[in-house]
N, C-alpha and C. Protein backbone atom coordinates (compact mmCIF):
# COMPACT_ATOMS: atom_id res chain seq x y z
N MET A 1 -2.88 96.36 -38.65
CA MET A 1 -2.05 95.24 -39.10
C MET A 1 -2.94 94.05 -39.43
N ILE A 2 -2.40 93.18 -40.27
CA ILE A 2 -3.12 91.99 -40.74
C ILE A 2 -2.35 90.74 -40.32
N LYS A 3 -3.06 89.82 -39.70
CA LYS A 3 -2.52 88.47 -39.46
C LYS A 3 -2.94 87.61 -40.63
N HIS A 4 -1.99 86.90 -41.18
CA HIS A 4 -2.22 85.97 -42.30
C HIS A 4 -1.86 84.58 -41.79
N ILE A 5 -2.86 83.72 -41.71
CA ILE A 5 -2.65 82.38 -41.16
C ILE A 5 -3.00 81.34 -42.23
N VAL A 6 -2.12 80.38 -42.41
CA VAL A 6 -2.33 79.31 -43.39
C VAL A 6 -2.00 77.98 -42.72
N MET A 7 -2.85 76.98 -42.97
CA MET A 7 -2.59 75.63 -42.47
C MET A 7 -2.59 74.66 -43.65
N TRP A 8 -1.74 73.63 -43.55
CA TRP A 8 -1.66 72.63 -44.61
C TRP A 8 -1.74 71.23 -44.04
N LYS A 9 -2.35 70.37 -44.81
CA LYS A 9 -2.31 68.93 -44.61
C LYS A 9 -1.54 68.39 -45.81
N PHE A 10 -0.43 67.69 -45.56
CA PHE A 10 0.42 67.21 -46.64
C PHE A 10 0.12 65.76 -46.99
N LYS A 11 0.45 65.39 -48.23
CA LYS A 11 0.33 64.01 -48.69
C LYS A 11 1.33 63.14 -47.93
N ASP A 12 1.00 61.87 -47.78
CA ASP A 12 1.90 60.94 -47.08
C ASP A 12 3.27 60.87 -47.75
N PHE A 13 3.28 60.92 -49.07
CA PHE A 13 4.53 60.87 -49.83
C PHE A 13 4.34 61.70 -51.09
N ALA A 14 5.24 62.64 -51.34
CA ALA A 14 5.15 63.47 -52.54
C ALA A 14 6.52 64.04 -52.89
N GLU A 15 6.77 64.16 -54.17
CA GLU A 15 8.02 64.74 -54.66
C GLU A 15 9.25 64.05 -54.05
N GLY A 16 9.13 62.73 -53.83
CA GLY A 16 10.25 61.95 -53.34
C GLY A 16 10.50 62.02 -51.85
N LEU A 17 9.62 62.69 -51.11
CA LEU A 17 9.81 62.84 -49.67
C LEU A 17 8.58 62.39 -48.90
N THR A 18 8.80 61.97 -47.66
CA THR A 18 7.69 61.62 -46.78
C THR A 18 6.99 62.89 -46.31
N ARG A 19 5.82 62.73 -45.72
CA ARG A 19 5.11 63.87 -45.16
C ARG A 19 5.99 64.64 -44.19
N GLU A 20 6.62 63.92 -43.28
CA GLU A 20 7.45 64.57 -42.26
C GLU A 20 8.61 65.34 -42.89
N GLU A 21 9.23 64.75 -43.90
CA GLU A 21 10.34 65.43 -44.58
C GLU A 21 9.86 66.70 -45.29
N ASN A 22 8.68 66.62 -45.92
CA ASN A 22 8.14 67.79 -46.60
C ASN A 22 7.75 68.88 -45.62
N VAL A 23 7.21 68.51 -44.48
CA VAL A 23 6.86 69.51 -43.46
C VAL A 23 8.11 70.27 -43.04
N ILE A 24 9.18 69.57 -42.78
CA ILE A 24 10.43 70.21 -42.36
C ILE A 24 11.00 71.08 -43.48
N LYS A 25 10.93 70.59 -44.72
CA LYS A 25 11.43 71.35 -45.86
C LYS A 25 10.65 72.65 -46.04
N VAL A 26 9.32 72.58 -46.00
CA VAL A 26 8.49 73.77 -46.19
C VAL A 26 8.71 74.75 -45.03
N LYS A 27 8.81 74.24 -43.82
CA LYS A 27 9.07 75.11 -42.66
C LYS A 27 10.36 75.89 -42.87
N SER A 28 11.40 75.23 -43.29
CA SER A 28 12.69 75.87 -43.53
C SER A 28 12.59 76.91 -44.64
N MET A 29 11.91 76.58 -45.72
CA MET A 29 11.75 77.50 -46.84
C MET A 29 11.01 78.76 -46.39
N LEU A 30 9.92 78.58 -45.66
CA LEU A 30 9.12 79.72 -45.22
C LEU A 30 9.88 80.60 -44.23
N GLU A 31 10.61 79.97 -43.32
CA GLU A 31 11.34 80.73 -42.31
C GLU A 31 12.44 81.60 -42.91
N ALA A 32 12.85 81.31 -44.14
CA ALA A 32 13.86 82.12 -44.81
C ALA A 32 13.27 83.38 -45.47
N LEU A 33 11.95 83.43 -45.60
CA LEU A 33 11.32 84.54 -46.32
C LEU A 33 11.49 85.92 -45.69
N PRO A 34 11.41 86.09 -44.37
CA PRO A 34 11.55 87.45 -43.83
C PRO A 34 12.86 88.14 -44.21
N GLU A 35 13.91 87.39 -44.45
CA GLU A 35 15.17 88.00 -44.89
C GLU A 35 15.12 88.42 -46.36
N LYS A 36 14.17 87.86 -47.11
CA LYS A 36 14.06 88.14 -48.54
C LYS A 36 12.93 89.11 -48.87
N ILE A 37 11.94 89.19 -48.00
CA ILE A 37 10.77 90.04 -48.23
C ILE A 37 10.65 90.99 -47.05
N ASP A 38 11.03 92.23 -47.26
CA ASP A 38 11.17 93.16 -46.13
C ASP A 38 9.86 93.66 -45.54
N PHE A 39 8.73 93.42 -46.20
CA PHE A 39 7.46 93.89 -45.64
C PHE A 39 6.73 92.82 -44.83
N ILE A 40 7.37 91.68 -44.61
CA ILE A 40 6.85 90.71 -43.64
C ILE A 40 7.23 91.24 -42.27
N ARG A 41 6.25 91.50 -41.42
CA ARG A 41 6.51 92.07 -40.09
C ARG A 41 6.81 90.99 -39.05
N GLU A 42 6.14 89.86 -39.15
CA GLU A 42 6.37 88.72 -38.25
C GLU A 42 6.10 87.45 -39.04
N MET A 43 6.79 86.39 -38.67
CA MET A 43 6.49 85.10 -39.29
C MET A 43 6.94 83.98 -38.36
N GLN A 44 6.04 83.04 -38.16
CA GLN A 44 6.42 81.81 -37.48
C GLN A 44 5.74 80.65 -38.19
N VAL A 45 6.44 79.54 -38.22
CA VAL A 45 5.91 78.32 -38.83
C VAL A 45 6.03 77.24 -37.77
N GLN A 46 4.92 76.58 -37.50
CA GLN A 46 4.90 75.55 -36.46
C GLN A 46 4.41 74.23 -37.05
N ILE A 47 4.95 73.15 -36.50
CA ILE A 47 4.58 71.79 -36.91
C ILE A 47 3.65 71.21 -35.86
N ASN A 48 2.56 70.63 -36.31
CA ASN A 48 1.60 70.02 -35.41
C ASN A 48 2.23 68.83 -34.67
N VAL A 49 2.07 68.79 -33.37
CA VAL A 49 2.62 67.69 -32.57
C VAL A 49 1.54 66.68 -32.18
N ASN A 50 0.29 66.94 -32.54
CA ASN A 50 -0.82 66.06 -32.21
C ASN A 50 -1.15 65.18 -33.42
N PRO A 51 -0.92 63.88 -33.33
CA PRO A 51 -1.11 63.00 -34.49
C PRO A 51 -2.58 62.61 -34.75
N LYS A 52 -3.51 63.23 -34.07
CA LYS A 52 -4.93 62.90 -34.22
C LYS A 52 -5.37 63.04 -35.68
N GLU A 53 -6.15 62.08 -36.14
CA GLU A 53 -6.67 62.03 -37.51
C GLU A 53 -7.41 63.32 -37.85
N GLY A 54 -7.19 63.81 -39.07
CA GLY A 54 -7.90 64.99 -39.56
C GLY A 54 -7.26 66.31 -39.23
N MET A 55 -6.22 66.32 -38.43
CA MET A 55 -5.56 67.58 -38.07
C MET A 55 -4.60 68.00 -39.18
N TYR A 56 -4.34 69.28 -39.25
CA TYR A 56 -3.38 69.79 -40.22
C TYR A 56 -1.96 69.54 -39.72
N ASP A 57 -1.01 69.53 -40.67
CA ASP A 57 0.38 69.20 -40.34
C ASP A 57 1.22 70.40 -39.93
N ALA A 58 0.93 71.55 -40.50
CA ALA A 58 1.75 72.74 -40.22
C ALA A 58 0.89 74.00 -40.33
N VAL A 59 1.36 75.05 -39.65
CA VAL A 59 0.67 76.33 -39.70
C VAL A 59 1.69 77.45 -39.87
N LEU A 60 1.32 78.43 -40.68
CA LEU A 60 2.09 79.65 -40.87
C LEU A 60 1.30 80.78 -40.23
N ILE A 61 1.94 81.54 -39.37
CA ILE A 61 1.32 82.71 -38.75
C ILE A 61 2.23 83.89 -39.08
N SER A 62 1.70 84.83 -39.88
CA SER A 62 2.51 85.96 -40.29
C SER A 62 1.73 87.25 -40.12
N ALA A 63 2.45 88.36 -40.14
CA ALA A 63 1.83 89.67 -39.97
C ALA A 63 2.35 90.63 -41.02
N PHE A 64 1.44 91.47 -41.49
CA PHE A 64 1.73 92.47 -42.50
C PHE A 64 1.05 93.78 -42.09
N ASP A 65 1.53 94.87 -42.63
CA ASP A 65 0.94 96.17 -42.32
C ASP A 65 -0.47 96.33 -42.90
N SER A 66 -0.74 95.68 -44.04
CA SER A 66 -2.02 95.89 -44.74
C SER A 66 -2.37 94.68 -45.60
N LEU A 67 -3.64 94.65 -46.05
CA LEU A 67 -4.05 93.62 -47.01
C LEU A 67 -3.29 93.77 -48.33
N GLU A 68 -2.94 94.98 -48.67
CA GLU A 68 -2.15 95.20 -49.89
C GLU A 68 -0.80 94.50 -49.77
N ASP A 69 -0.19 94.55 -48.60
CA ASP A 69 1.08 93.84 -48.40
C ASP A 69 0.90 92.33 -48.46
N VAL A 70 -0.23 91.83 -47.97
CA VAL A 70 -0.51 90.39 -48.10
C VAL A 70 -0.60 90.03 -49.58
N GLY A 71 -1.25 90.89 -50.36
CA GLY A 71 -1.34 90.67 -51.80
C GLY A 71 0.03 90.70 -52.48
N ARG A 72 0.87 91.63 -52.07
CA ARG A 72 2.24 91.70 -52.60
C ARG A 72 3.03 90.44 -52.24
N TYR A 73 2.82 89.95 -51.03
CA TYR A 73 3.48 88.73 -50.56
C TYR A 73 3.07 87.54 -51.44
N ARG A 74 1.78 87.43 -51.73
CA ARG A 74 1.29 86.29 -52.51
C ARG A 74 1.93 86.20 -53.89
N VAL A 75 2.27 87.33 -54.49
CA VAL A 75 2.84 87.30 -55.84
C VAL A 75 4.36 87.52 -55.86
N HIS A 76 4.95 87.69 -54.69
CA HIS A 76 6.40 87.87 -54.64
C HIS A 76 7.08 86.59 -55.16
N PRO A 77 8.08 86.72 -56.02
CA PRO A 77 8.73 85.53 -56.61
C PRO A 77 9.25 84.51 -55.59
N GLU A 78 9.77 84.99 -54.46
CA GLU A 78 10.27 84.06 -53.45
C GLU A 78 9.13 83.26 -52.82
N HIS A 79 7.98 83.90 -52.61
CA HIS A 79 6.82 83.18 -52.07
C HIS A 79 6.23 82.25 -53.12
N VAL A 80 6.18 82.70 -54.37
CA VAL A 80 5.62 81.87 -55.44
C VAL A 80 6.39 80.56 -55.59
N LYS A 81 7.71 80.60 -55.42
CA LYS A 81 8.52 79.37 -55.49
C LYS A 81 8.03 78.36 -54.46
N ILE A 82 7.82 78.82 -53.25
CA ILE A 82 7.38 77.92 -52.17
C ILE A 82 5.95 77.46 -52.43
N SER A 83 5.10 78.39 -52.79
CA SER A 83 3.70 78.06 -53.04
C SER A 83 3.57 77.03 -54.16
N SER A 84 4.38 77.14 -55.18
CA SER A 84 4.35 76.17 -56.29
C SER A 84 4.76 74.78 -55.81
N TYR A 85 5.74 74.73 -54.94
CA TYR A 85 6.15 73.44 -54.38
C TYR A 85 5.06 72.86 -53.48
N VAL A 86 4.50 73.69 -52.63
CA VAL A 86 3.45 73.24 -51.71
C VAL A 86 2.25 72.71 -52.48
N ALA A 87 1.94 73.31 -53.62
CA ALA A 87 0.81 72.84 -54.44
C ALA A 87 0.99 71.38 -54.85
N LEU A 88 2.22 70.94 -54.99
CA LEU A 88 2.51 69.56 -55.40
C LEU A 88 2.41 68.56 -54.25
N ILE A 89 2.54 69.03 -53.01
CA ILE A 89 2.67 68.11 -51.88
C ILE A 89 1.52 68.18 -50.89
N LYS A 90 0.59 69.10 -51.08
CA LYS A 90 -0.49 69.26 -50.10
C LYS A 90 -1.74 68.48 -50.49
N GLU A 91 -2.47 68.06 -49.47
CA GLU A 91 -3.82 67.51 -49.65
C GLU A 91 -4.86 68.61 -49.50
N LYS A 92 -4.66 69.43 -48.45
CA LYS A 92 -5.61 70.50 -48.14
C LYS A 92 -4.86 71.73 -47.67
N ARG A 93 -5.56 72.86 -47.80
CA ARG A 93 -5.04 74.13 -47.33
C ARG A 93 -6.21 74.94 -46.80
N ALA A 94 -5.99 75.66 -45.72
CA ALA A 94 -6.99 76.58 -45.18
C ALA A 94 -6.25 77.85 -44.79
N SER A 95 -6.96 78.99 -44.92
CA SER A 95 -6.31 80.25 -44.55
C SER A 95 -7.33 81.25 -44.05
N VAL A 96 -6.81 82.25 -43.35
CA VAL A 96 -7.62 83.35 -42.86
C VAL A 96 -6.72 84.58 -42.71
N ASP A 97 -7.30 85.74 -43.02
CA ASP A 97 -6.63 87.02 -42.81
C ASP A 97 -7.53 87.85 -41.92
N PHE A 98 -6.98 88.48 -40.87
CA PHE A 98 -7.80 89.31 -40.01
C PHE A 98 -6.99 90.49 -39.49
N GLU A 99 -7.69 91.54 -39.13
CA GLU A 99 -7.06 92.72 -38.55
C GLU A 99 -6.83 92.52 -37.06
N PHE A 100 -5.73 93.07 -36.58
CA PHE A 100 -5.47 93.04 -35.15
C PHE A 100 -4.82 94.32 -34.71
């Protein structure tokens, strides 16, 4: 199995919403994906509670059977919708995929 982890730092204000509002919006959008994409094995989205400078705002922790499924996830239309929105509101993104 593959763990797919992504972290984002969001802009203070983007697309008419504050950072906090965008974090909540993206969390909600991502949490709806397992019902739409049947090869997502696990998914959780967490919001950072530590306001320390330089920390990321949110993290996605998901699991897939294979790297091929991670690739399918990246191009799935439901994921692309979210990814396109996140591209407009993020300052930074970091990710890692590993076997477990």
